[in-house]
Structures are given as structure tokens and as C-alpha cells.
Protein backbone atom coordinates (compact mmCIF):
# COMPACT_ATOMS: atom_id res chain seq x y z
CA MET A 1 8.89 67.54 46.48
CA LYS A 2 12.21 67.55 48.31
CA VAL A 3 13.40 64.02 49.04
CA MET A 4 16.40 62.93 51.10
CA VAL A 5 18.18 59.56 50.91
CA VAL A 6 20.46 58.57 53.77
CA GLY A 7 23.51 56.46 52.82
CA SER A 8 26.61 56.43 50.67
CA GLY A 9 27.02 53.14 48.83
CA GLY A 10 26.05 51.36 45.65
CA ARG A 11 22.68 50.46 47.12
CA GLU A 12 21.89 54.10 47.75
CA HIS A 13 23.05 55.06 44.25
CA ALA A 14 20.67 52.47 42.81
CA ILE A 15 17.82 53.90 44.92
CA VAL A 16 18.71 57.46 43.85
CA LYS A 17 18.79 56.54 40.14
CA SER A 18 15.40 54.87 40.46
CA LEU A 19 13.88 57.79 42.37
CA LYS A 20 15.19 60.21 39.75
CA LYS A 21 12.62 58.80 37.33
CA SER A 22 9.71 60.05 39.46
CA SER A 23 8.00 63.20 38.21
CA GLU A 24 6.95 64.01 41.78
CA ILE A 25 10.49 64.73 42.98
CA ASP A 26 11.92 68.21 42.36
CA THR A 27 15.13 68.00 44.44
CA LEU A 28 16.94 64.83 45.55
CA TYR A 29 19.53 64.95 48.34
CA VAL A 30 21.78 62.14 49.53
CA LEU A 31 23.53 62.19 52.93
CA PRO A 32 26.48 61.79 52.72
CA GLY A 33 26.46 60.27 49.24
CA ASN A 34 29.73 59.87 47.33
CA GLY A 35 31.54 61.46 44.41
CA GLY A 36 30.02 59.07 41.89
CA MET A 37 26.48 60.03 42.90
CA ALA A 38 27.02 63.76 42.43
CA GLN A 39 25.60 63.70 38.89
CA ASP A 40 22.31 62.20 40.11
CA ALA A 41 21.64 63.98 43.40
CA VAL A 42 22.85 66.80 45.66
CA CYS A 43 25.41 65.17 47.94
CA VAL A 44 25.83 66.40 51.50
CA PRO A 45 29.22 64.87 52.41
CA GLU A 46 29.54 66.57 55.77
CA ILE A 47 26.61 64.65 57.28
CA GLY A 48 27.33 60.94 57.89
CA ALA A 49 24.70 58.22 57.78
CA LYS A 50 24.96 57.66 61.55
CA ASP A 51 24.76 61.36 62.44
CA ILE A 52 21.12 61.31 63.49
CA ASP A 53 21.15 64.84 64.89
CA GLY A 54 22.75 66.14 61.71
CA ILE A 55 20.25 64.32 59.51
CA VAL A 56 17.29 65.73 61.48
CA ALA A 57 18.76 69.25 61.43
CA PHE A 58 19.26 69.04 57.67
CA ALA A 59 15.70 67.85 57.12
CA LYS A 60 14.37 70.82 59.18
CA GLU A 61 16.56 73.43 57.53
CA ASN A 62 15.86 72.27 53.99
CA GLY A 63 12.14 71.53 54.22
CA ILE A 64 12.48 67.86 53.35
CA ASP A 65 9.12 66.33 52.39
CA PHE A 66 10.12 62.66 52.49
CA ALA A 67 13.15 60.66 53.65
CA VAL A 68 14.53 57.28 52.68
CA VAL A 69 16.81 55.74 55.31
CA ALA A 70 18.67 52.95 53.50
CA PRO A 71 21.57 51.54 55.61
CA ASP A 72 21.23 49.29 58.65
CA ASP A 73 23.17 51.47 61.13
CA PRO A 74 20.94 54.56 61.09
CA LEU A 75 17.81 52.36 61.06
CA VAL A 76 18.96 50.48 64.17
CA LEU A 77 19.97 53.80 65.78
CA GLY A 78 16.47 55.21 65.29
CA ALA A 79 16.82 57.64 62.36
CA VAL A 80 13.24 57.01 61.22
CA ASP A 81 11.88 57.63 64.72
CA ALA A 82 13.78 60.93 64.91
CA LEU A 83 12.63 62.11 61.49
CA GLU A 84 9.02 61.15 62.07
CA GLU A 85 9.06 63.06 65.34
CA ILE A 86 9.65 66.30 63.38
CA GLY A 87 6.94 65.42 60.86
CA VAL A 88 9.04 64.01 58.04
CA PRO A 89 7.43 60.82 56.59
CA CYS A 90 9.97 58.05 55.92
CA PHE A 91 10.56 54.83 54.08
CA GLY A 92 12.27 52.47 56.52
CA PRO A 93 11.44 50.71 59.77
CA ARG A 94 11.42 52.38 63.16
CA LYS A 95 14.09 51.41 65.68
CA ASN A 96 11.97 48.78 67.47
CA ALA A 97 11.40 46.95 64.16
CA ALA A 98 14.96 47.35 62.82
CA ILE A 99 16.05 45.05 65.65
CA ILE A 100 15.14 42.16 63.36
CA GLU A 101 18.59 42.81 61.79
CA GLY A 102 20.19 44.61 64.72
CA SER A 103 20.09 41.49 66.90
CA LYS A 104 20.45 37.97 65.47
CA VAL A 105 19.43 36.64 68.89
CA PHE A 106 16.16 38.56 68.61
CA SER A 107 15.47 37.33 65.07
CA LYS A 108 16.27 33.69 65.88
CA ASN A 109 14.08 33.77 68.99
CA LEU A 110 11.29 35.39 66.95
CA MET A 111 11.42 32.60 64.40
CA LYS A 112 11.44 29.96 67.12
CA LYS A 113 8.47 31.54 68.91
CA TYR A 114 6.34 31.82 65.75
CA ASN A 115 7.43 28.58 64.04
CA ILE A 116 9.15 30.25 61.10
CA PRO A 117 11.56 27.71 59.55
CA THR A 118 15.23 28.39 60.29
CA ALA A 119 18.39 26.55 61.33
CA ALA A 120 18.58 25.01 64.84
CA TYR A 121 20.65 27.25 67.13
CA GLU A 122 21.94 28.10 70.60
CA VAL A 123 22.77 31.50 72.09
CA PHE A 124 25.87 32.17 74.25
CA THR A 125 27.00 35.04 76.40
CA GLU A 126 29.97 33.21 77.99
CA THR A 127 32.99 32.02 76.01
CA ASP A 128 33.52 28.84 78.07
CA ALA A 129 29.91 27.71 77.57
CA ALA A 130 30.16 28.27 73.81
CA LEU A 131 33.43 26.34 73.58
CA GLN A 132 31.99 23.49 75.58
CA TYR A 133 28.93 23.30 73.30
CA LEU A 134 31.17 23.11 70.24
CA GLN A 135 32.81 19.92 71.57
CA THR A 136 29.74 17.95 70.57
CA ALA A 137 28.23 20.22 67.88
CA PRO A 138 28.13 18.87 64.30
CA MET A 139 30.57 20.42 61.84
CA PRO A 140 30.50 22.57 59.78
CA ALA A 141 28.98 25.07 62.24
CA VAL A 142 27.89 28.64 61.69
CA ILE A 143 29.11 31.25 64.21
CA LYS A 144 27.27 34.60 64.16
CA ALA A 145 27.94 37.83 66.04
CA ASP A 146 24.69 39.04 67.55
CA GLY A 147 24.85 42.66 66.30
CA LEU A 148 25.71 44.54 63.14
CA ALA A 149 29.13 43.81 61.63
CA LEU A 150 29.09 45.29 58.11
CA GLY A 151 27.74 42.05 56.73
CA LYS A 152 30.85 40.16 57.87
CA GLY A 153 29.80 38.89 61.29
CA VAL A 154 29.13 35.34 60.13
CA ILE A 155 31.80 32.63 60.13
CA ILE A 156 31.27 29.19 58.58
CA ALA A 157 33.63 26.95 60.52
CA GLU A 158 34.58 23.75 58.74
CA ASN A 159 36.00 22.06 61.83
CA LEU A 160 36.15 22.31 65.62
CA GLN A 161 39.44 24.25 65.63
CA ASP A 162 38.06 26.95 63.29
CA ALA A 163 34.85 27.15 65.28
CA GLN A 164 36.68 27.64 68.56
CA ALA A 165 38.90 30.27 66.98
CA ALA A 166 35.84 32.14 65.66
CA VAL A 167 34.19 32.16 69.07
CA LYS A 168 37.35 33.37 70.80
CA ASP A 169 37.88 36.10 68.18
CA MET A 170 34.36 37.39 68.62
CA MET A 171 33.76 37.00 72.34
CA ASP A 172 37.23 37.62 73.77
CA GLY A 173 39.19 39.23 70.94
CA GLY A 174 36.64 41.94 70.17
CA LYS A 175 36.74 41.21 66.45
CA PHE A 176 33.33 42.81 65.91
CA GLY A 177 33.32 44.98 69.02
CA GLU A 178 30.17 44.85 71.13
CA SER A 179 28.37 43.07 68.29
CA GLY A 180 30.35 39.88 69.01
CA ARG A 181 30.02 39.80 72.81
CA ARG A 182 27.00 37.55 72.37
CA VAL A 183 27.03 34.84 69.69
CA VAL A 184 24.64 32.50 67.94
CA ILE A 185 25.90 29.05 67.00
CA GLU A 186 23.62 27.31 64.50
CA GLU A 187 23.49 24.28 62.27
CA PHE A 188 24.96 24.49 58.81
CA LEU A 189 22.26 24.37 56.15
CA THR A 190 22.75 23.16 52.58
CA GLY A 191 21.01 24.05 49.35
CA PRO A 192 20.80 26.98 46.94
CA GLU A 193 20.77 30.43 48.56
CA VAL A 194 18.17 33.01 47.53
CA SER A 195 17.76 36.67 48.42
CA VAL A 196 14.27 38.12 48.39
CA LEU A 197 13.56 41.78 49.15
CA ALA A 198 9.97 42.63 50.02
CA PHE A 199 8.01 45.83 50.43
CA THR A 200 5.76 45.76 53.49
CA ASP A 201 3.65 48.31 55.33
CA GLY A 202 2.75 45.96 58.14
CA LYS A 203 -0.60 45.12 56.54
CA SER A 204 0.45 43.55 53.25
CA MET A 205 3.66 42.35 51.66
CA LYS A 206 4.81 42.52 48.06
CA PRO A 207 8.05 40.66 47.30
CA MET A 208 10.41 41.99 44.65
CA VAL A 209 12.11 39.84 42.02
CA SER A 210 14.51 37.30 43.62
CA SER A 211 18.28 37.44 43.26
CA MET A 212 21.47 35.42 43.69
CA ASP A 213 24.44 36.98 45.50
CA HIS A 214 28.09 35.98 45.15
CA LYS A 215 29.75 36.56 48.56
CA ARG A 216 33.17 35.01 48.18
CA ALA A 217 36.02 37.18 46.96
CA HIS A 218 37.30 34.90 44.21
CA ASP A 219 36.05 32.87 41.27
CA GLY A 220 34.54 29.49 42.03
CA ASP A 221 33.14 30.82 45.30
CA GLU A 222 36.54 30.70 46.94
CA GLY A 223 38.29 33.17 49.24
CA LEU A 224 36.99 35.28 52.07
CA ASN A 225 33.42 36.43 52.52
CA THR A 226 32.78 39.97 51.25
CA GLY A 227 29.85 42.36 51.22
CA GLY A 228 29.02 40.86 47.81
CA MET A 229 30.99 40.63 44.55
CA GLY A 230 27.98 40.56 42.21
CA THR A 231 24.40 39.50 41.75
CA VAL A 232 21.96 38.22 39.15
CA ALA A 233 18.18 38.39 39.08
CA PRO A 234 15.89 36.54 39.08
CA ASN A 235 17.35 33.56 40.92
CA PRO A 236 16.68 30.42 38.79
CA TYR A 237 16.19 28.23 41.84
CA TYR A 238 13.33 30.41 43.13
CA THR A 239 10.36 28.92 41.33
CA GLU A 240 6.73 30.04 41.53
CA GLU A 241 5.99 27.02 43.69
CA ILE A 242 8.78 27.85 46.15
CA ALA A 243 7.71 31.51 46.18
CA LYS A 244 4.21 30.43 47.22
CA VAL A 245 5.63 28.27 50.04
CA CYS A 246 7.85 31.15 51.23
CA MET A 247 4.91 33.59 51.25
CA GLU A 248 2.79 31.20 53.35
CA THR A 249 5.44 29.90 55.75
CA ILE A 250 7.99 32.73 56.01
CA PHE A 251 7.06 36.13 54.59
CA LEU A 252 3.57 36.71 55.93
CA PRO A 253 4.29 34.91 59.26
CA THR A 254 7.27 37.23 59.80
CA MET A 255 5.16 40.33 59.13
CA GLU A 256 2.45 39.04 61.51
CA ALA A 257 5.01 38.03 64.14
CA MET A 258 6.45 41.53 64.22
CA ASN A 259 2.93 42.97 64.52
CA ALA A 260 2.21 40.62 67.40
CA GLU A 261 5.36 41.76 69.16
CA GLY A 262 4.30 45.40 68.86
CA ARG A 263 7.15 46.02 66.37
CA THR A 264 5.26 46.66 63.09
CA PHE A 265 7.75 46.63 60.25
CA LYS A 266 7.34 49.22 57.48
CA GLY A 267 9.95 49.37 54.76
CA CYS A 268 12.04 46.81 52.88
CA LEU A 269 12.39 43.47 54.63
CA TYR A 270 15.21 41.34 53.27
CA PHE A 271 14.91 37.54 53.46
CA GLY A 272 18.11 35.55 53.11
CA LEU A 273 16.87 32.06 52.36
CA MET A 274 18.34 28.55 51.98
CA LEU A 275 16.32 26.14 49.85
CA THR A 276 17.13 23.02 51.88
CA PRO A 277 16.02 19.45 51.13
CA LYS A 278 13.42 19.99 53.90
CA GLY A 279 12.10 23.22 52.37
CA PRO A 280 12.97 26.92 52.45
CA LYS A 281 14.52 28.20 55.68
CA VAL A 282 15.59 31.66 56.83
CA ILE A 283 19.33 32.22 57.08
CA GLU A 284 19.00 35.91 58.03
CA TYR A 285 16.79 38.93 57.98
CA ASN A 286 17.90 42.43 57.01
CA CYS A 287 15.87 45.53 57.83
CA ARG A 288 16.68 47.22 54.51
CA PHE A 289 17.53 46.78 50.85
CA GLY A 290 20.45 44.40 50.30
CA ASP A 291 23.74 45.44 48.74
CA PRO A 292 24.43 44.49 45.93
CA GLU A 293 20.97 42.87 45.46
CA THR A 294 19.38 46.29 45.05
CA GLN A 295 21.62 46.96 42.06
CA VAL A 296 19.93 44.14 40.04
CA VAL A 297 16.42 44.33 41.51
CA LEU A 298 15.63 48.04 40.99
CA PRO A 299 16.75 48.19 37.34
CA LEU A 300 14.00 45.60 36.65
CA LEU A 301 11.33 47.65 38.51
CA GLU A 302 8.75 49.14 36.12
CA SER A 303 6.63 50.83 38.78
CA ASP A 304 7.46 54.29 40.17
CA LEU A 305 9.68 53.64 43.18
CA PHE A 306 8.69 56.85 44.95
CA THR A 307 4.99 55.94 44.62
CA VAL A 308 5.75 52.61 46.28
CA PHE A 309 7.80 54.25 49.05
CA ARG A 310 4.96 56.64 49.84
CA ALA A 311 2.44 53.82 49.78
CA VAL A 312 4.47 51.93 52.39
CA ALA A 313 4.75 55.01 54.62
CA GLU A 314 1.00 55.67 54.31
CA GLU A 315 0.06 51.99 54.73
CA LYS A 316 -1.53 51.85 51.27
CA LEU A 317 0.72 49.18 49.75
CA GLU A 318 -2.15 46.74 49.11
CA GLU A 319 -3.73 49.12 46.58
CA THR A 320 -0.42 50.10 44.91
CA GLU A 321 0.97 48.28 41.87
CA VAL A 322 4.49 46.85 42.17
CA ARG A 323 5.49 45.58 38.74
CA PHE A 324 8.80 44.16 37.48
CA ALA A 325 10.06 43.47 33.95
CA ASP A 326 10.22 39.87 32.75
CA GLY A 327 13.90 40.10 31.81
CA HIS A 328 17.16 39.45 33.69
CA ALA A 329 19.84 41.61 35.28
CA CYS A 330 23.50 41.05 36.21
CA CYS A 331 25.64 43.25 38.44
CA VAL A 332 29.44 42.84 38.52
CA ILE A 333 31.26 44.57 41.36
CA MET A 334 34.56 46.23 40.50
CA ALA A 335 36.66 46.28 43.68
CA SER A 336 40.08 47.35 44.84
CA ASN A 337 42.49 44.43 44.60
CA GLY A 338 43.02 43.01 48.09
CA TYR A 339 39.46 43.59 49.29
CA PRO A 340 38.08 42.50 51.81
CA GLU A 341 41.46 42.81 53.50
CA ALA A 342 44.19 45.42 52.80
CA TYR A 343 43.93 47.44 49.60
CA LYS A 344 45.10 50.78 48.19
CA SER A 345 42.81 53.66 47.20
CA GLY A 346 42.98 57.06 45.58
CA PHE A 347 43.29 55.98 41.95
CA ALA A 348 41.51 57.90 39.17
CA ILE A 349 38.42 56.24 37.68
CA THR A 350 37.88 56.72 33.95
CA CYS A 351 35.17 55.43 31.61
CA ASP A 352 35.34 54.90 27.84
CA ASP A 353 32.63 56.27 25.60
CA GLY A 354 29.72 54.02 24.73
CA LEU A 355 28.76 52.68 28.15
CA ASN A 356 25.41 50.90 27.80
CA ALA A 357 24.89 49.69 31.33
CA GLU A 358 24.14 51.27 34.69
CA VAL A 359 27.10 52.21 36.90
CA PHE A 360 26.40 52.39 40.65
CA TYR A 361 29.19 54.00 42.65
CA ALA A 362 30.06 52.85 46.18
CA GLY A 363 33.69 53.55 47.16
CA ALA A 364 34.39 56.70 45.11
CA LYS A 365 35.10 60.35 45.88
CA LEU A 366 35.80 63.57 43.96
CA ASP A 367 39.16 65.18 44.64
CA GLY A 368 39.80 68.92 44.74
CA GLU A 369 40.16 69.03 40.97
CA GLY A 370 36.87 67.23 40.30
CA ILE A 371 38.54 63.91 39.43
CA LEU A 372 36.66 60.77 40.57
CA ARG A 373 38.94 58.47 42.56
CA THR A 374 38.64 55.11 44.32
CA ALA A 375 37.86 55.36 48.02
CA GLY A 376 36.85 51.91 49.24
CA GLY A 377 36.99 48.16 48.85
CA ARG A 378 33.98 47.85 46.61
CA VAL A 379 34.32 50.74 44.19
CA LEU A 380 31.38 50.39 41.85
CA GLY A 381 28.86 47.98 40.35
CA VAL A 382 28.09 47.56 36.66
CA THR A 383 24.57 46.36 35.96
CA ALA A 384 23.15 45.27 32.63
CA THR A 385 19.64 44.05 31.77
CA ALA A 386 18.51 41.84 28.93
CA GLU A 387 15.75 39.40 28.02
CA LYS A 388 18.13 36.43 28.55
CA LEU A 389 20.44 35.99 31.53
CA SER A 390 23.39 35.03 29.35
CA ASP A 391 23.02 38.31 27.44
CA ALA A 392 22.76 40.36 30.65
CA ILE A 393 25.97 38.72 31.97
CA ALA A 394 27.82 39.29 28.70
CA LEU A 395 26.72 42.92 28.53
CA ALA A 396 27.75 43.62 32.12
CA TYR A 397 31.27 42.27 31.51
CA GLU A 398 31.50 44.11 28.18
CA ASN A 399 30.93 47.36 30.12
CA VAL A 400 33.33 46.39 32.91
CA GLU A 401 36.04 46.44 30.25
CA LYS A 402 35.21 50.07 29.53
CA ILE A 403 35.85 51.26 33.11
CA HIS A 404 39.41 51.73 34.34
CA PHE A 405 41.27 52.35 37.57
CA GLU A 406 44.56 51.10 38.90
CA ASN A 407 44.24 48.07 41.20
CA ALA A 408 40.85 47.11 39.75
CA TYR A 409 39.60 43.61 40.45
CA CYS A 410 36.38 41.71 39.73
CA ARG A 411 35.20 38.13 39.74
CA LYS A 412 34.91 36.68 36.23
CA ASP A 413 32.16 34.16 37.00
CA ILE A 414 29.20 36.23 38.22
CA GLY A 415 26.09 34.41 37.02
CA ALA A 416 27.85 31.16 36.14
CA ARG A 417 25.99 29.22 38.86
CA ALA A 418 22.68 30.61 37.67
CA LEU A 419 23.42 29.61 34.08
CA ALA A 420 24.51 26.16 35.20
CA ALA A 421 21.19 25.69 36.98
CA GLY A 422 19.69 25.44 33.50
CA ARG A 423 16.25 26.65 34.54
């Protein structure tokens, strides 16, 4: 079969590497892909992930049998709808279901309507009304841009001044473009954070192994929010008992709520959870695999990923096995120093012999001479698996030391919180 993956980051590289294991796939394309993926799939750099017309034309011209649309932008823009219209089956939600990530206002209102536990909130379309509300709102407060913002449209304001500045930046300053013209202001929740990705075909839901992300740029969870500086799986705070509660009060109710709204969700539904003193609550939904959560979850998957993807598309998930290894995984992101703000790119990436971990490329490109160079803030992720979490962490960092590029930076404490949990 000819299979096409849409996307260009570390998440897509992890999906590609997992799909490569399937005996059913003859040719694997990735649009646009990146230089680091070229050894695992046929990259089509001239077609961007948001070029829906180009993606459809490529699928027609190359006889694509199945497509995987991985990033949020093309999903929200309707890439799956467009591909299905020409007869290409897809893994990923249609446009009317991808709104669960495309609009935070939609997702918050959905949870409120169907009694799915989440933080208390208010929605604002006028700056003055939002600023007035903040005068009496408890601090810290969470300010969220309504639409997509590359995972950076959420500001945790510690005080009134910061909250007011965040609202003005979004609503008047155009910090996130149209995405920030409407904002959600919600209560600040406390407790351990957990990421859970789940396969769903709208009829059944099968969660993957849980994970713990590390969003802040610097050690000790300090610095600016990023797209993610590393992950470990499973998350030690996510016990079997909590998983059962989440399935009954959050996961299945969300699937059923989307069905009731006429927006059946088929694909990977991401649940960002906070385990509060009052029980698990939803922080956010994503309409796709998380990044870098995918880079620790898929290396633990023992089932054939392509078989699962097809089962979701064909609404046969209930009868399809989804099995994960009992071990642990750790992914350390190697970034360009200065990320998520200003940084320099274009440096050659070299690897020593003896790598014994997975390397998932995100911000990398091949130059005219075939040399792999840095081309983004988050350059690559190094993922190791082991029976014990401490061994997975040690192995990941051991391999980080074998990869070199000028301006390289990584956090040194990925997994430390999970180890400290002592579970």
C-alpha cells in the first residue's frame, strides 16, 4: 500500500518510524517532512502541511491508499474532508470534529453542556469586559486564546497586572492573530498534569499509555512555556484507579458528547488533564497526537500502528488489539539555544557511532551537499526505553551526548519529577 503522512515535526517522524514496521506498507510518503526523516520515508518538501489543494493533488497523482493527517492546522482546515471526498481513507478527525482543538470556546462550552469536569471559565470578545472581569477574578488566572497558536496561546498570569497585559496582547495587540481576538479566562487548577492520547472511532475508545510533559524551557520548570522540552511515559501519578475515573467521567463522555453534537470524532483525541484535589479535570483537548508525547508513547506500542489506524478509519477499533509494553520511555528534546525566543539555525548535525536510542527529527533540513543542519527551535528528540524509568532517563541522556550541533541546548532534568513521585 502507498501511505501518506502529513506533517514535518518530531511527532510525524515518530509516526513514520512506527508505520515503517508494518508489512502492509510498500511506500511511505511524508508531506513536507524534513531532512532528518529522509532515511525513513519519501519526503515531499514542496507541499506544506496547510496546502490542502496540494495534498489532495499529490494523493490523486500518486495513487495514495491511506493518509494520516497529523498536525492541528490541516485538520482544522479540513484536510481529512478533502481527502475523503476523493476516496482516500484517513486517520484523523474531519473539520467539524477538529474544532474541539480549533476553538477553546467550543471545547469549554461542550464540557459545560455535558458535565465533563474542567476549570470554571468565562468567555470574552471585548477587551474592556475582560479587563473588568479580571478586577475581581482570583489570581493566578489562566488566559487562553480561542484558536490555534502553535501550543503557545495559554498564559498563566500570577497577578492582575500580568493578566491584564496578557489580555491586551491577545485582544488588542494581535499577539496570536485572529486566534486571540476571543479569549477564555479560567480558574487556575493545581495538581499533577497528565497527558493521555486515545484512539477513538466514535464508537469505542482505547487510551494509550499516559505521559508527563515538561513545558518550561529551563530546569526546575522555570522559564517560558515551549512546545515541550521532553516527556516520560507512563506518568507515575496516573494510577489504574484514576484511569478508571477518567474513562467514566471524561473520555467516554467526551466521545459521546461529540456524537450528540453531530461531530463524531475519529482519530487520536488528546486529553490534557490536571489531577486536582477534587478529581481529574480537563485542561485542554487536542485533535491529534501530542508533540513530544508521541515520541515516548509510540516506542512503547507493541501493536501494528497501521492496523490500528485502519481500524479507526473503518470503525472497527473495538475488535482491534492495542497493546503497549510494560516498560518506560524518556524523550529529551535537543533545541537551539534561545528557543522559544530568538535563536540561530543552519548548524551541521553530527552523530557519534553507537547510538542506541531513537532519534526523532523536528527542526532539521538537508543542504545542497546532503549535510543535515538545524532549522528550527526544537531540533530533535532522543527517546530511550527501558524496564525502569531511571534507566530510560539515563540512556536518553547518554545518547544526547553522542549528538552534536553548535548552539545545542537541552534540559538536564527530564523525568526528575516522575522519579521524585516515587511510585
